[in-house]
Amino acid sequence: MMGLDFSVINWDEIQKATMETLSMLLVSGIFTFIIGLPVGIILFLTSRSTSKTSLTVYSVLSFVVNILRSVPFIILIVAMLPITKAIVSTTIGVVGTIPPLVVGAAPFFARLVETSLREVDRGVIEASQAMGASTGQIIMKVLMPESLPGLLAGITITIVTLVSYTAMAGMVGGGGLGALAINYGYYRYEQEVMIVAVVVMIVLVQVLQMAGDRMVKHFTRK
């Protein structure tokens, strides 16, 4: 491209930023699934119950999830600065991005879990109940196996979403490829660094999406 000189790029910084992004994805992804999966299961179970208490739990939990999902991530990061500081003692860098990443992604994943569970054949669930299966057994032996392809697809979508979140976190002191692209490409007008950072993120998304699609295809029943 005219006017671009990729020989000036510090590839060690690209490698470091890539590893930071992968670290953010790994840690925030784990906590997102730990929190989002049970929340999604609770949403599914309470929405189907006729108990007034369960329906109240569903209404409150659904309201909280909807609020967190509706807040733009860049605003969520700023709003959570005091909470993030209290939890991890910093608001910048890789560590400082983990709490808002989890809070932003967990409700999103919880809704995907709920949607996947709703797609399970109701007759299979009722048959398990008729045979005396407990709620825990229905969850582990019916809902999870039957909804596995949908859950894997939800995990893939969530991880890809987290990639874009990590990029936005770079605007407020987060690390990773997003911070590199903003600090060099925007503030220093070094477009070469920004282009490389964007390309690496695109490749990362493609790899994650292809891996997720392969898993979904593998576990989808013919």
Foldseek 3Di string as FASTA:
>chain_A
DPPADLVPDDVVQQVVQAVLLVVLLVLLLVLLCVQQQVLLVLLQVLVPDPDPVSVVVNVVSVVLLVVLQPDPLLVLLVVCQVVLCVPQVDCAESSNLRVSLSSNLNSVLSNLNNVLLVPFDVVVLVVCVVVPDDPVCCVPPPRCLRSVLSNLVSSLVSSLVSLVSQLSSLVVRYGHLNVQLCVCCPVVVNVSSNVVSVVVSVVVNVVSNVVSVVVSVVSDDD
